[in-house]
Amino acid sequence: MVVLYDQFNMPDDVFDVIFATKQQVIVARLLIEEMKKKDGEIGKTEMSLFATALHDGLKLGKPQTAIGPKKEALISYNKRQFYDRILTPMKTMGLIDYDLYKKTYKLSEKFNKNMMRIGLMWLQELRKPPREFTVKR
């Protein structure tokens, strides 16, 4: 997955930086909140149940406004797309780890470490001397 961002219009939410659509942002946030409720770790079966619940449609709470409560929102997300577009990218970026032996998904800090490593790689690139390029004619 490629993360592109505009440094002058940086969103306040990390999910808005990582995911392309609002629906993906909502689904990713729901997943992280579900994992936080269970001490940051859920099993393979629980993940499947979560994906199935999303596929069938989840009711989100009523958002409060100054005027009054709004109607309950229903979010539905295809189970296969959940694995392809949400869970797999989160695993490859280091937001979530999968333990093959325990068969559990766990929240991870590897994303932060990888971002710092990318920053250090950029600093090393800046300090390299310029190279000569020749154009063949």
Protein backbone atom coordinates (compact mmCIF):
# COMPACT_ATOMS: atom_id res chain seq x y z
CA MET A 1 0.00 0.00 0.00
CA VAL A 2 1.26 3.46 -0.84
CA VAL A 3 0.56 6.29 1.59
CA LEU A 4 0.46 9.70 -0.10
CA TYR A 5 -0.19 12.86 1.87
CA ASP A 6 -0.06 16.61 1.52
CA GLN A 7 2.13 18.09 4.26
CA PHE A 8 0.21 21.38 4.08
CA ASN A 9 -3.21 19.74 4.47
CA MET A 10 -2.40 16.95 6.89
CA PRO A 11 -5.56 15.42 8.36
CA ASP A 12 -5.88 15.17 12.13
CA ASP A 13 -6.77 11.48 11.92
CA VAL A 14 -4.20 8.80 11.02
CA PHE A 15 -6.92 6.74 9.31
CA ASP A 16 -7.58 9.62 6.89
CA VAL A 17 -3.90 9.51 5.89
CA ILE A 18 -3.83 5.74 5.39
CA PHE A 19 -7.18 4.94 3.77
CA ALA A 20 -8.65 6.35 0.56
CA THR A 21 -12.39 6.45 1.31
CA LYS A 22 -14.51 7.57 4.25
CA GLN A 23 -16.11 4.12 4.45
CA GLN A 24 -12.68 2.48 4.78
CA VAL A 25 -11.79 4.98 7.52
CA ILE A 26 -14.98 4.12 9.42
CA VAL A 27 -14.45 0.37 9.07
CA ALA A 28 -10.79 0.58 10.13
CA ARG A 29 -11.75 2.69 13.15
CA LEU A 30 -14.48 0.19 14.09
CA LEU A 31 -11.95 -2.64 13.90
CA ILE A 32 -9.42 -0.84 16.10
CA GLU A 33 -12.12 0.07 18.64
CA GLU A 34 -13.31 -3.56 18.72
CA MET A 35 -9.74 -4.73 19.32
CA LYS A 36 -9.20 -2.11 22.05
CA LYS A 37 -12.31 -3.39 23.86
CA LYS A 38 -10.67 -6.81 24.01
CA ASP A 39 -7.31 -5.57 25.34
CA GLY A 40 -5.81 -5.09 21.87
CA GLU A 41 -6.01 -8.73 20.80
CA ILE A 42 -8.73 -10.82 19.14
CA GLY A 43 -8.77 -14.34 17.78
CA LYS A 44 -9.23 -15.49 14.22
CA THR A 45 -12.81 -16.56 14.92
CA GLU A 46 -13.66 -13.21 16.50
CA MET A 47 -12.20 -11.43 13.46
CA SER A 48 -14.36 -13.57 11.20
CA LEU A 49 -17.44 -12.78 13.29
CA PHE A 50 -16.61 -9.06 13.10
CA ALA A 51 -16.22 -9.26 9.31
CA THR A 52 -19.52 -11.17 9.01
CA ALA A 53 -21.28 -8.60 11.19
CA LEU A 54 -19.95 -5.85 8.92
CA HIS A 55 -21.09 -7.81 5.87
CA ASP A 56 -24.59 -8.12 7.31
CA GLY A 57 -24.61 -4.48 8.43
CA LEU A 58 -23.70 -2.83 11.72
CA LYS A 59 -25.74 -0.14 13.41
CA LEU A 60 -23.70 2.83 14.51
CA GLY A 61 -24.83 4.90 17.46
CA LYS A 62 -26.92 8.04 17.04
CA PRO A 63 -24.64 11.05 16.51
CA GLN A 64 -25.65 13.99 18.69
CA THR A 65 -25.97 17.45 17.13
CA ALA A 66 -26.85 20.87 18.51
CA ILE A 67 -30.35 20.45 17.06
CA GLY A 68 -30.92 16.99 18.48
CA PRO A 69 -30.20 13.30 17.87
CA LYS A 70 -29.89 12.10 14.29
CA LYS A 71 -31.08 8.81 12.87
CA GLU A 72 -29.01 5.68 13.54
CA ALA A 73 -26.53 4.99 10.75
CA LEU A 74 -26.10 1.54 9.25
CA ILE A 75 -22.75 0.56 7.77
CA SER A 76 -22.25 -2.48 5.61
CA TYR A 77 -18.93 -3.65 4.18
CA ASN A 78 -18.26 -6.70 2.03
CA LYS A 79 -16.45 -9.43 4.00
CA ARG A 80 -13.90 -10.18 1.25
CA GLN A 81 -13.18 -6.49 0.73
CA PHE A 82 -12.73 -6.10 4.49
CA TYR A 83 -9.90 -8.62 4.41
CA ASP A 84 -8.42 -7.27 1.14
CA ARG A 85 -8.72 -3.51 1.71
CA ILE A 86 -8.70 -3.09 5.48
CA LEU A 87 -7.14 -5.97 7.42
CA THR A 88 -4.37 -7.01 4.99
CA PRO A 89 -3.05 -3.44 4.48
CA MET A 90 -3.14 -2.88 8.25
CA LYS A 91 -1.10 -6.05 8.74
CA THR A 92 1.45 -5.17 6.03
CA MET A 93 1.93 -1.63 7.41
CA GLY A 94 2.48 -2.90 10.94
CA LEU A 95 -0.70 -1.54 12.54
CA ILE A 96 -1.84 -5.08 13.36
CA ASP A 97 0.22 -8.24 13.94
CA TYR A 98 -0.99 -11.78 13.35
CA ASP A 99 0.39 -14.49 15.63
CA LEU A 100 0.50 -17.69 13.58
CA TYR A 101 0.76 -19.96 16.63
CA LYS A 102 -1.93 -18.39 18.81
CA LYS A 103 -4.03 -17.49 15.75
CA THR A 104 -4.71 -14.01 17.10
CA TYR A 105 -4.61 -10.47 15.74
CA LYS A 106 -2.93 -7.91 17.97
CA LEU A 107 -2.54 -4.13 17.83
CA SER A 108 1.07 -3.25 17.08
CA GLU A 109 3.49 -0.31 17.34
CA LYS A 110 5.50 -1.43 14.31
CA PHE A 111 3.86 1.22 12.12
CA ASN A 112 5.42 3.96 14.25
CA LYS A 113 8.83 2.28 14.14
CA ASN A 114 8.61 1.89 10.37
CA MET A 115 7.68 5.56 9.89
CA MET A 116 10.71 6.59 11.97
CA ARG A 117 12.89 4.25 9.89
CA ILE A 118 11.59 5.84 6.68
CA GLY A 119 12.44 9.27 8.09
CA LEU A 120 15.98 8.11 8.88
CA MET A 121 16.32 6.67 5.37
CA TRP A 122 15.38 10.08 3.98
CA LEU A 123 17.97 11.83 6.15
CA GLN A 124 20.63 9.41 4.91
CA GLU A 125 19.61 10.13 1.32
CA LEU A 126 19.92 13.87 1.92
CA ARG A 127 23.46 13.47 3.24
CA LYS A 128 24.75 11.39 0.32
CA PRO A 129 27.03 13.20 -2.12
CA PRO A 130 25.60 13.86 -5.59
CA ARG A 131 26.20 11.26 -8.28
CA GLU A 132 27.11 11.95 -11.88
CA PHE A 133 24.69 10.82 -14.54
CA THR A 134 25.55 10.55 -18.20
CA VAL A 135 23.05 10.76 -21.00
CA LYS A 136 23.55 8.28 -23.85
CA ARG A 137 23.03 9.64 -27.36
